[in-house]
N, C-alpha and C. Protein backbone atom coordinates (compact mmCIF):
# COMPACT_ATOMS: atom_id res chain seq x y z
N MET A 1 -19.50 -1.42 23.51
CA MET A 1 -18.34 -0.78 22.95
C MET A 1 -18.16 0.60 23.55
N LEU A 2 -16.96 0.97 23.73
CA LEU A 2 -16.62 2.26 24.29
C LEU A 2 -15.98 3.11 23.21
N ALA A 3 -16.50 4.30 22.99
CA ALA A 3 -15.90 5.21 22.02
C ALA A 3 -14.75 5.91 22.72
N VAL A 4 -13.58 5.84 22.12
CA VAL A 4 -12.38 6.38 22.73
C VAL A 4 -11.72 7.35 21.76
N SER A 5 -11.25 8.45 22.27
CA SER A 5 -10.48 9.40 21.49
C SER A 5 -9.07 9.38 22.04
N PHE A 6 -8.07 9.47 21.17
CA PHE A 6 -6.71 9.43 21.66
C PHE A 6 -5.82 10.34 20.84
N THR A 7 -4.68 10.65 21.41
CA THR A 7 -3.65 11.41 20.73
C THR A 7 -2.38 10.57 20.75
N LEU A 8 -1.76 10.44 19.58
CA LEU A 8 -0.52 9.68 19.52
C LEU A 8 0.56 10.44 20.26
N PRO A 9 1.48 9.71 20.93
CA PRO A 9 2.55 10.39 21.67
C PRO A 9 3.42 11.22 20.74
N ALA A 10 3.90 12.32 21.26
CA ALA A 10 4.79 13.18 20.48
C ALA A 10 6.12 12.48 20.24
N VAL A 11 6.75 12.81 19.17
CA VAL A 11 8.06 12.24 18.84
C VAL A 11 9.08 12.85 19.79
N LEU A 12 9.97 12.03 20.29
CA LEU A 12 11.00 12.50 21.20
C LEU A 12 12.03 13.33 20.44
N PRO A 13 12.67 14.28 21.10
CA PRO A 13 13.66 15.12 20.41
C PRO A 13 14.85 14.29 19.95
N THR A 14 15.46 14.74 18.87
CA THR A 14 16.64 14.03 18.36
C THR A 14 17.93 14.66 18.84
N SER A 15 17.85 15.74 19.57
CA SER A 15 19.05 16.33 20.14
C SER A 15 18.69 16.98 21.47
N VAL A 16 19.70 17.24 22.24
CA VAL A 16 19.51 17.86 23.55
C VAL A 16 19.78 19.34 23.41
N PRO A 17 18.90 20.20 23.96
CA PRO A 17 19.17 21.64 23.89
C PRO A 17 20.53 21.96 24.51
N THR A 18 21.20 22.94 23.95
CA THR A 18 22.53 23.30 24.44
C THR A 18 22.50 23.85 25.86
N SER A 19 21.32 24.24 26.32
CA SER A 19 21.22 24.76 27.69
C SER A 19 21.32 23.66 28.74
N VAL A 20 21.23 22.39 28.32
CA VAL A 20 21.34 21.28 29.26
C VAL A 20 22.82 21.01 29.51
N PRO A 21 23.24 21.00 30.78
CA PRO A 21 24.66 20.78 31.10
C PRO A 21 25.17 19.45 30.53
N THR A 22 26.44 19.43 30.14
CA THR A 22 27.06 18.25 29.55
C THR A 22 26.93 17.03 30.45
N ALA A 23 27.10 17.18 31.74
CA ALA A 23 26.99 16.04 32.67
C ALA A 23 25.60 15.43 32.61
N VAL A 24 24.58 16.26 32.48
CA VAL A 24 23.20 15.77 32.38
C VAL A 24 23.00 15.09 31.04
N GLN A 25 23.54 15.67 29.98
CA GLN A 25 23.41 15.08 28.65
C GLN A 25 23.97 13.67 28.62
N MET A 26 25.06 13.44 29.30
CA MET A 26 25.69 12.12 29.32
C MET A 26 24.83 11.09 30.03
N MET A 27 23.93 11.53 30.88
CA MET A 27 23.07 10.61 31.62
C MET A 27 21.82 10.24 30.84
N ILE A 28 21.52 10.93 29.75
CA ILE A 28 20.33 10.66 28.95
C ILE A 28 20.64 9.52 28.00
N PRO A 29 19.88 8.42 28.07
CA PRO A 29 20.14 7.29 27.17
C PRO A 29 19.99 7.72 25.71
N ALA A 30 20.86 7.22 24.88
CA ALA A 30 20.82 7.55 23.45
C ALA A 30 19.49 7.16 22.82
N SER A 31 18.87 6.09 23.31
CA SER A 31 17.60 5.65 22.72
C SER A 31 16.51 6.69 22.90
N LEU A 32 16.59 7.50 23.95
CA LEU A 32 15.59 8.54 24.15
C LEU A 32 15.80 9.69 23.18
N LEU A 33 17.02 9.93 22.80
CA LEU A 33 17.32 11.02 21.90
C LEU A 33 16.96 10.70 20.46
N THR A 34 17.15 9.46 20.06
CA THR A 34 16.91 9.09 18.68
C THR A 34 15.52 8.55 18.44
N GLY A 35 14.82 8.18 19.49
CA GLY A 35 13.51 7.57 19.30
C GLY A 35 13.62 6.09 18.94
N VAL A 36 14.83 5.55 18.89
CA VAL A 36 15.03 4.16 18.53
C VAL A 36 14.90 3.30 19.78
N HIS A 37 14.16 2.24 19.65
CA HIS A 37 13.97 1.33 20.77
C HIS A 37 14.64 0.01 20.45
N ALA A 38 15.36 -0.54 21.38
CA ALA A 38 16.15 -1.73 21.13
C ALA A 38 15.33 -3.01 21.21
N HIS A 39 14.10 -2.94 21.65
CA HIS A 39 13.30 -4.15 21.74
C HIS A 39 12.00 -3.98 20.96
N GLN A 40 11.39 -5.11 20.68
CA GLN A 40 10.17 -5.10 19.91
C GLN A 40 9.01 -4.57 20.76
N GLN A 41 8.14 -3.81 20.12
CA GLN A 41 6.97 -3.27 20.81
C GLN A 41 5.81 -4.26 20.76
N LYS A 42 5.75 -5.06 19.70
CA LYS A 42 4.69 -6.06 19.51
C LYS A 42 3.31 -5.44 19.62
N ALA A 43 3.15 -4.31 18.95
CA ALA A 43 1.88 -3.59 18.94
C ALA A 43 1.74 -2.86 17.61
N ALA A 44 0.52 -2.82 17.10
CA ALA A 44 0.23 -2.10 15.86
C ALA A 44 -1.07 -1.34 16.04
N ILE A 45 -1.19 -0.25 15.31
CA ILE A 45 -2.42 0.55 15.34
C ILE A 45 -2.94 0.67 13.93
N THR A 46 -4.24 0.45 13.78
CA THR A 46 -4.90 0.59 12.49
C THR A 46 -6.04 1.58 12.63
N ARG A 47 -6.15 2.47 11.67
CA ARG A 47 -7.29 3.40 11.60
C ARG A 47 -8.18 2.99 10.44
N VAL A 48 -9.47 2.86 10.72
CA VAL A 48 -10.48 2.62 9.69
C VAL A 48 -11.34 3.88 9.68
N VAL A 49 -11.26 4.66 8.59
CA VAL A 49 -11.90 5.96 8.54
C VAL A 49 -12.98 5.98 7.46
N PHE A 50 -14.21 6.29 7.86
CA PHE A 50 -15.31 6.50 6.93
C PHE A 50 -15.20 7.96 6.47
N ASN A 51 -14.63 8.18 5.30
CA ASN A 51 -14.38 9.53 4.81
C ASN A 51 -15.53 9.93 3.87
N GLU A 52 -16.52 10.61 4.43
CA GLU A 52 -17.69 11.04 3.66
C GLU A 52 -17.30 12.04 2.58
N ARG A 53 -16.30 12.86 2.85
CA ARG A 53 -15.89 13.90 1.89
C ARG A 53 -15.39 13.28 0.58
N THR A 54 -14.59 12.20 0.69
CA THR A 54 -14.03 11.57 -0.51
C THR A 54 -14.83 10.37 -0.97
N GLY A 55 -15.78 9.92 -0.13
CA GLY A 55 -16.58 8.75 -0.49
C GLY A 55 -15.80 7.45 -0.38
N THR A 56 -14.78 7.44 0.48
CA THR A 56 -13.95 6.24 0.61
C THR A 56 -13.88 5.75 2.05
N LEU A 57 -13.67 4.47 2.18
CA LEU A 57 -13.34 3.85 3.46
C LEU A 57 -11.83 3.67 3.42
N GLU A 58 -11.13 4.37 4.29
CA GLU A 58 -9.67 4.38 4.29
C GLU A 58 -9.14 3.57 5.46
N VAL A 59 -8.14 2.73 5.19
CA VAL A 59 -7.53 1.90 6.23
C VAL A 59 -6.04 2.18 6.23
N MET A 60 -5.51 2.52 7.41
CA MET A 60 -4.09 2.84 7.57
C MET A 60 -3.54 1.99 8.71
N HIS A 61 -2.63 1.09 8.39
CA HIS A 61 -2.00 0.21 9.38
C HIS A 61 -0.62 0.79 9.71
N ARG A 62 -0.32 0.91 11.00
CA ARG A 62 0.99 1.41 11.43
C ARG A 62 1.67 0.37 12.31
N PHE A 63 2.85 -0.06 11.87
CA PHE A 63 3.66 -1.02 12.62
C PHE A 63 4.96 -0.37 13.00
N TYR A 64 5.50 -0.73 14.14
CA TYR A 64 6.84 -0.28 14.47
C TYR A 64 7.80 -0.92 13.47
N LEU A 65 8.67 -0.12 12.90
CA LEU A 65 9.61 -0.62 11.91
C LEU A 65 10.48 -1.73 12.48
N HIS A 66 10.88 -1.59 13.73
CA HIS A 66 11.71 -2.62 14.37
C HIS A 66 10.96 -3.96 14.42
N ASP A 67 9.67 -3.93 14.73
CA ASP A 67 8.86 -5.16 14.73
C ASP A 67 8.78 -5.75 13.33
N ALA A 68 8.48 -4.90 12.35
CA ALA A 68 8.36 -5.38 10.97
C ALA A 68 9.68 -5.98 10.49
N GLU A 69 10.78 -5.35 10.88
CA GLU A 69 12.10 -5.82 10.48
C GLU A 69 12.36 -7.24 10.99
N HIS A 70 12.01 -7.50 12.24
CA HIS A 70 12.18 -8.85 12.79
C HIS A 70 11.16 -9.83 12.20
N ALA A 71 9.95 -9.37 12.00
CA ALA A 71 8.88 -10.25 11.51
C ALA A 71 9.17 -10.77 10.10
N VAL A 72 9.67 -9.90 9.20
CA VAL A 72 9.90 -10.35 7.82
C VAL A 72 10.94 -11.45 7.76
N ARG A 73 11.84 -11.46 8.73
CA ARG A 73 12.86 -12.52 8.75
C ARG A 73 12.26 -13.87 9.12
N GLN A 74 11.13 -13.84 9.80
CA GLN A 74 10.42 -15.09 10.13
C GLN A 74 9.36 -15.42 9.08
N LEU A 75 8.70 -14.40 8.55
CA LEU A 75 7.59 -14.61 7.62
C LEU A 75 8.02 -14.81 6.18
N ILE A 76 9.09 -14.14 5.76
CA ILE A 76 9.47 -14.12 4.35
C ILE A 76 10.76 -14.90 4.12
N ASP A 77 11.83 -14.45 4.77
CA ASP A 77 13.14 -15.06 4.56
C ASP A 77 14.07 -14.57 5.66
N SER A 78 14.97 -15.43 6.09
CA SER A 78 15.87 -15.04 7.18
C SER A 78 16.81 -13.89 6.79
N ASP A 79 16.95 -13.64 5.49
CA ASP A 79 17.79 -12.53 5.02
C ASP A 79 16.97 -11.34 4.55
N ALA A 80 15.65 -11.36 4.77
CA ALA A 80 14.78 -10.28 4.30
C ALA A 80 15.19 -8.95 4.92
N ASP A 81 15.10 -7.89 4.11
CA ASP A 81 15.51 -6.55 4.55
C ASP A 81 14.41 -5.55 4.21
N ILE A 82 13.57 -5.24 5.19
CA ILE A 82 12.45 -4.35 4.94
C ILE A 82 12.90 -2.91 4.74
N ILE A 83 14.03 -2.54 5.30
CA ILE A 83 14.51 -1.17 5.18
C ILE A 83 15.15 -0.93 3.81
N GLY A 84 15.97 -1.86 3.36
CA GLY A 84 16.74 -1.64 2.14
C GLY A 84 16.19 -2.29 0.88
N ASN A 85 15.07 -3.02 0.98
CA ASN A 85 14.60 -3.77 -0.18
C ASN A 85 13.10 -3.52 -0.42
N GLU A 86 12.78 -2.90 -1.53
CA GLU A 86 11.38 -2.60 -1.86
C GLU A 86 10.55 -3.87 -2.00
N GLN A 87 11.12 -4.94 -2.54
CA GLN A 87 10.37 -6.19 -2.69
C GLN A 87 9.94 -6.72 -1.32
N THR A 88 10.81 -6.65 -0.33
CA THR A 88 10.45 -7.09 1.02
C THR A 88 9.35 -6.21 1.59
N ARG A 89 9.45 -4.90 1.36
CA ARG A 89 8.39 -3.99 1.84
C ARG A 89 7.05 -4.36 1.20
N ALA A 90 7.05 -4.63 -0.10
CA ALA A 90 5.82 -5.00 -0.80
C ALA A 90 5.27 -6.33 -0.28
N GLN A 91 6.15 -7.27 0.00
CA GLN A 91 5.71 -8.57 0.53
C GLN A 91 5.10 -8.41 1.92
N PHE A 92 5.70 -7.58 2.76
CA PHE A 92 5.14 -7.36 4.09
C PHE A 92 3.79 -6.65 3.99
N ALA A 93 3.67 -5.67 3.11
CA ALA A 93 2.40 -4.97 2.92
C ALA A 93 1.32 -5.94 2.47
N GLU A 94 1.65 -6.82 1.55
CA GLU A 94 0.68 -7.83 1.08
C GLU A 94 0.28 -8.77 2.22
N TYR A 95 1.24 -9.16 3.02
CA TYR A 95 0.96 -10.00 4.18
C TYR A 95 -0.04 -9.31 5.11
N VAL A 96 0.20 -8.04 5.42
CA VAL A 96 -0.70 -7.29 6.31
C VAL A 96 -2.10 -7.25 5.72
N GLN A 97 -2.20 -6.99 4.43
CA GLN A 97 -3.51 -6.92 3.77
C GLN A 97 -4.25 -8.26 3.84
N GLN A 98 -3.53 -9.35 3.77
CA GLN A 98 -4.15 -10.67 3.86
C GLN A 98 -4.61 -11.00 5.28
N GLN A 99 -4.00 -10.37 6.27
CA GLN A 99 -4.32 -10.66 7.67
C GLN A 99 -5.41 -9.76 8.23
N PHE A 100 -5.92 -8.83 7.44
CA PHE A 100 -6.92 -7.87 7.90
C PHE A 100 -8.16 -7.97 7.03
N SER A 101 -9.33 -8.00 7.67
CA SER A 101 -10.56 -8.00 6.88
C SER A 101 -11.69 -7.33 7.63
N LEU A 102 -12.63 -6.82 6.83
CA LEU A 102 -13.84 -6.19 7.33
C LEU A 102 -15.03 -6.88 6.68
N THR A 103 -16.05 -7.13 7.49
CA THR A 103 -17.28 -7.76 6.99
C THR A 103 -18.46 -6.98 7.55
N SER A 104 -19.48 -6.78 6.71
CA SER A 104 -20.68 -6.07 7.17
C SER A 104 -21.55 -7.02 8.00
N ALA A 105 -22.55 -6.47 8.66
CA ALA A 105 -23.46 -7.27 9.49
C ALA A 105 -24.17 -8.33 8.66
N SER A 106 -24.40 -8.04 7.37
CA SER A 106 -25.07 -9.00 6.49
C SER A 106 -24.14 -10.11 6.02
N GLY A 107 -22.86 -10.03 6.39
CA GLY A 107 -21.90 -11.06 5.99
C GLY A 107 -21.14 -10.73 4.72
N GLU A 108 -21.37 -9.54 4.16
CA GLU A 108 -20.67 -9.14 2.94
C GLU A 108 -19.23 -8.73 3.27
N ALA A 109 -18.28 -9.37 2.59
CA ALA A 109 -16.88 -9.00 2.75
C ALA A 109 -16.67 -7.63 2.11
N LEU A 110 -16.10 -6.70 2.86
CA LEU A 110 -15.81 -5.37 2.34
C LEU A 110 -14.38 -5.39 1.81
N VAL A 111 -14.26 -5.74 0.54
CA VAL A 111 -12.95 -5.94 -0.08
C VAL A 111 -12.22 -4.61 -0.20
N LEU A 112 -11.00 -4.60 0.30
CA LEU A 112 -10.16 -3.41 0.28
C LEU A 112 -9.11 -3.53 -0.82
N SER A 113 -8.81 -2.41 -1.45
CA SER A 113 -7.75 -2.37 -2.47
C SER A 113 -6.48 -1.79 -1.86
N PRO A 114 -5.33 -2.32 -2.26
CA PRO A 114 -4.08 -1.75 -1.76
C PRO A 114 -3.87 -0.37 -2.37
N VAL A 115 -3.38 0.55 -1.54
CA VAL A 115 -3.06 1.90 -2.00
C VAL A 115 -1.55 2.10 -2.02
N GLY A 116 -0.87 1.55 -1.03
CA GLY A 116 0.58 1.69 -0.97
C GLY A 116 1.12 1.38 0.41
N HIS A 117 2.40 1.62 0.56
CA HIS A 117 3.09 1.40 1.83
C HIS A 117 4.31 2.31 1.87
N GLU A 118 4.78 2.58 3.08
CA GLU A 118 5.94 3.45 3.20
C GLU A 118 6.59 3.29 4.57
N ILE A 119 7.86 3.65 4.62
CA ILE A 119 8.56 3.80 5.89
C ILE A 119 8.53 5.28 6.22
N ASP A 120 8.09 5.58 7.43
CA ASP A 120 8.04 6.97 7.90
C ASP A 120 8.64 7.00 9.30
N GLY A 121 9.90 7.39 9.38
CA GLY A 121 10.57 7.41 10.68
C GLY A 121 10.70 6.01 11.24
N ASN A 122 10.17 5.81 12.44
CA ASN A 122 10.24 4.51 13.12
C ASN A 122 9.07 3.60 12.80
N PHE A 123 8.29 3.95 11.77
CA PHE A 123 7.07 3.20 11.48
C PHE A 123 7.03 2.71 10.04
N PHE A 124 6.33 1.58 9.87
CA PHE A 124 6.02 1.07 8.54
C PHE A 124 4.52 1.17 8.38
N TRP A 125 4.08 1.86 7.34
CA TRP A 125 2.66 2.08 7.09
C TRP A 125 2.20 1.26 5.90
N VAL A 126 0.96 0.73 6.00
CA VAL A 126 0.31 0.04 4.89
C VAL A 126 -1.06 0.70 4.72
N TYR A 127 -1.39 1.06 3.46
CA TYR A 127 -2.64 1.78 3.18
C TYR A 127 -3.55 0.96 2.27
N GLN A 128 -4.85 0.98 2.61
CA GLN A 128 -5.86 0.31 1.81
C GLN A 128 -7.08 1.23 1.73
N GLU A 129 -7.97 0.96 0.74
CA GLU A 129 -9.20 1.73 0.65
C GLU A 129 -10.23 1.00 -0.20
N ARG A 130 -11.45 1.53 -0.16
CA ARG A 130 -12.54 1.08 -1.02
C ARG A 130 -13.59 2.18 -0.99
N THR A 131 -14.56 2.08 -1.88
CA THR A 131 -15.65 3.04 -1.82
C THR A 131 -16.44 2.79 -0.55
N LEU A 132 -17.06 3.86 -0.04
CA LEU A 132 -17.86 3.71 1.18
C LEU A 132 -18.98 2.72 0.93
N PRO A 133 -19.12 1.73 1.81
CA PRO A 133 -20.24 0.79 1.66
C PRO A 133 -21.54 1.47 2.08
N ALA A 134 -22.63 1.10 1.42
CA ALA A 134 -23.94 1.68 1.74
C ALA A 134 -24.59 0.94 2.90
N ASN A 135 -25.25 1.67 3.75
CA ASN A 135 -26.09 1.11 4.82
C ASN A 135 -25.38 0.13 5.75
N VAL A 136 -24.15 0.39 6.09
CA VAL A 136 -23.42 -0.47 7.02
C VAL A 136 -23.68 0.03 8.43
N THR A 137 -24.24 -0.84 9.26
CA THR A 137 -24.55 -0.46 10.65
C THR A 137 -23.59 -1.07 11.65
N SER A 138 -22.84 -2.06 11.21
CA SER A 138 -21.82 -2.66 12.08
C SER A 138 -20.77 -3.34 11.22
N LEU A 139 -19.63 -3.58 11.83
CA LEU A 139 -18.53 -4.27 11.15
C LEU A 139 -18.01 -5.40 12.02
N GLN A 140 -17.63 -6.48 11.38
CA GLN A 140 -16.86 -7.52 12.02
C GLN A 140 -15.44 -7.33 11.49
N VAL A 141 -14.49 -7.29 12.40
CA VAL A 141 -13.11 -6.98 12.04
C VAL A 141 -12.21 -8.15 12.44
N ILE A 142 -11.30 -8.50 11.54
CA ILE A 142 -10.25 -9.48 11.83
C ILE A 142 -8.92 -8.78 11.57
N HIS A 143 -8.01 -8.86 12.54
CA HIS A 143 -6.68 -8.26 12.37
C HIS A 143 -5.66 -9.20 13.04
N ASN A 144 -5.13 -10.11 12.24
CA ASN A 144 -4.21 -11.13 12.76
C ASN A 144 -2.75 -10.87 12.44
N ALA A 145 -2.41 -9.72 11.88
CA ALA A 145 -1.02 -9.46 11.49
C ALA A 145 -0.08 -9.62 12.69
N LEU A 146 0.95 -10.39 12.49
CA LEU A 146 2.04 -10.67 13.43
C LEU A 146 1.62 -11.49 14.64
N ARG A 147 0.36 -11.88 14.74
CA ARG A 147 -0.09 -12.62 15.91
C ARG A 147 0.37 -14.07 15.88
N GLU A 148 0.70 -14.60 14.70
CA GLU A 148 1.27 -15.94 14.65
C GLU A 148 2.77 -15.90 14.91
N VAL A 149 3.38 -14.73 14.73
CA VAL A 149 4.80 -14.57 15.02
C VAL A 149 5.00 -14.39 16.51
N TRP A 150 4.19 -13.51 17.12
CA TRP A 150 4.28 -13.23 18.55
C TRP A 150 2.89 -13.36 19.18
N PRO A 151 2.66 -14.38 19.99
CA PRO A 151 1.35 -14.54 20.62
C PRO A 151 0.92 -13.34 21.48
N ASP A 152 1.89 -12.54 21.94
CA ASP A 152 1.53 -11.37 22.75
C ASP A 152 1.40 -10.09 21.92
N GLN A 153 1.40 -10.21 20.59
CA GLN A 153 1.17 -9.07 19.70
C GLN A 153 -0.22 -8.49 19.98
N ILE A 154 -0.30 -7.18 20.09
CA ILE A 154 -1.57 -6.48 20.29
C ILE A 154 -1.83 -5.60 19.08
N ASN A 155 -2.97 -5.80 18.43
CA ASN A 155 -3.37 -4.99 17.29
C ASN A 155 -4.59 -4.17 17.70
N THR A 156 -4.43 -2.86 17.68
CA THR A 156 -5.51 -1.95 18.03
C THR A 156 -6.11 -1.39 16.75
N VAL A 157 -7.43 -1.39 16.65
CA VAL A 157 -8.13 -0.86 15.49
C VAL A 157 -9.06 0.25 15.96
N ASN A 158 -8.87 1.45 15.43
CA ASN A 158 -9.74 2.58 15.72
C ASN A 158 -10.65 2.80 14.52
N VAL A 159 -11.95 2.66 14.73
CA VAL A 159 -12.94 2.85 13.68
C VAL A 159 -13.52 4.25 13.88
N GLU A 160 -13.34 5.10 12.87
CA GLU A 160 -13.75 6.49 12.95
C GLU A 160 -14.88 6.77 11.96
N ARG A 161 -16.01 7.23 12.51
CA ARG A 161 -17.15 7.56 11.65
C ARG A 161 -17.95 8.68 12.30
N GLY A 162 -18.20 9.72 11.54
CA GLY A 162 -19.03 10.82 12.01
C GLY A 162 -18.54 11.48 13.29
N GLY A 163 -17.24 11.61 13.44
CA GLY A 163 -16.68 12.26 14.62
C GLY A 163 -16.55 11.35 15.83
N SER A 164 -16.97 10.11 15.71
CA SER A 164 -16.89 9.15 16.81
C SER A 164 -15.78 8.13 16.52
N VAL A 165 -15.06 7.74 17.55
CA VAL A 165 -14.00 6.74 17.41
C VAL A 165 -14.32 5.58 18.35
N THR A 166 -14.33 4.38 17.81
CA THR A 166 -14.51 3.18 18.61
C THR A 166 -13.24 2.34 18.47
N THR A 167 -12.71 1.89 19.59
CA THR A 167 -11.46 1.15 19.61
C THR A 167 -11.69 -0.33 19.86
N LEU A 168 -11.09 -1.14 19.02
CA LEU A 168 -11.09 -2.60 19.20
C LEU A 168 -9.65 -3.01 19.47
N THR A 169 -9.46 -3.92 20.42
CA THR A 169 -8.12 -4.37 20.75
C THR A 169 -8.04 -5.89 20.60
N PHE A 170 -7.21 -6.32 19.66
CA PHE A 170 -6.99 -7.74 19.42
C PHE A 170 -5.79 -8.19 20.24
N GLN A 171 -6.03 -9.10 21.16
CA GLN A 171 -4.95 -9.65 21.97
C GLN A 171 -5.38 -11.04 22.43
N GLY A 172 -4.41 -11.82 22.86
CA GLY A 172 -4.73 -13.17 23.33
C GLY A 172 -5.41 -13.99 22.24
N SER A 173 -6.56 -14.56 22.56
CA SER A 173 -7.26 -15.44 21.62
C SER A 173 -8.29 -14.72 20.75
N ASP A 174 -8.33 -13.38 20.81
CA ASP A 174 -9.30 -12.64 19.99
C ASP A 174 -9.05 -12.91 18.52
N GLU A 175 -10.09 -13.35 17.82
CA GLU A 175 -9.96 -13.59 16.38
C GLU A 175 -10.79 -12.63 15.55
N GLN A 176 -11.97 -12.29 16.07
CA GLN A 176 -12.87 -11.38 15.36
C GLN A 176 -13.57 -10.53 16.39
N LEU A 177 -13.59 -9.23 16.16
CA LEU A 177 -14.30 -8.30 17.04
C LEU A 177 -15.29 -7.49 16.22
N SER A 178 -16.33 -7.00 16.88
CA SER A 178 -17.38 -6.27 16.18
C SER A 178 -17.50 -4.86 16.72
N VAL A 179 -17.97 -3.98 15.86
CA VAL A 179 -18.23 -2.60 16.24
C VAL A 179 -19.58 -2.19 15.64
N VAL A 180 -20.41 -1.57 16.47
CA VAL A 180 -21.67 -1.01 15.99
C VAL A 180 -21.39 0.43 15.60
N LEU A 181 -21.81 0.78 14.39
CA LEU A 181 -21.55 2.12 13.86
C LEU A 181 -22.74 3.02 14.11
N GLU A 182 -22.47 4.21 14.55
CA GLU A 182 -23.55 5.17 14.84
C GLU A 182 -23.72 6.15 13.74
């Protein structure tokens, strides 16, 4: 396993500075100004954080809202509306929670409790947590969200413990990946 540290890309500006000439402004695609992308990204990022300060194992799933919007129409109902309907948001959050699991090296399922979900800009977030498990030296991780909808869906899981980050990438036929915790 390779420990990787990363920084999420900065949000693109929503307007063009007035110092930019009008002719140049007209050449900038609107999608770059709004941060809205017209196609599906088919990628999600999950953070699994061992929070010693609070005594909790925190899990934060981030999906592109555009992907979630298309997915709920296949997973829930062709008229599902994740943006305008709280019930659809709750159903998608429950779906994500069912598609993600953590197991200790001894085979103990580390059951996570739902904390909530929200739309934040171009992203849909799902939150889970549990008390920190004792004496966990490794994890087996399953993250199948949206992989039955899009075979090329990539789910990245960053496991953070003691200042170290280990990245797992679910793609193709990956069903379960493991991480050794230091």
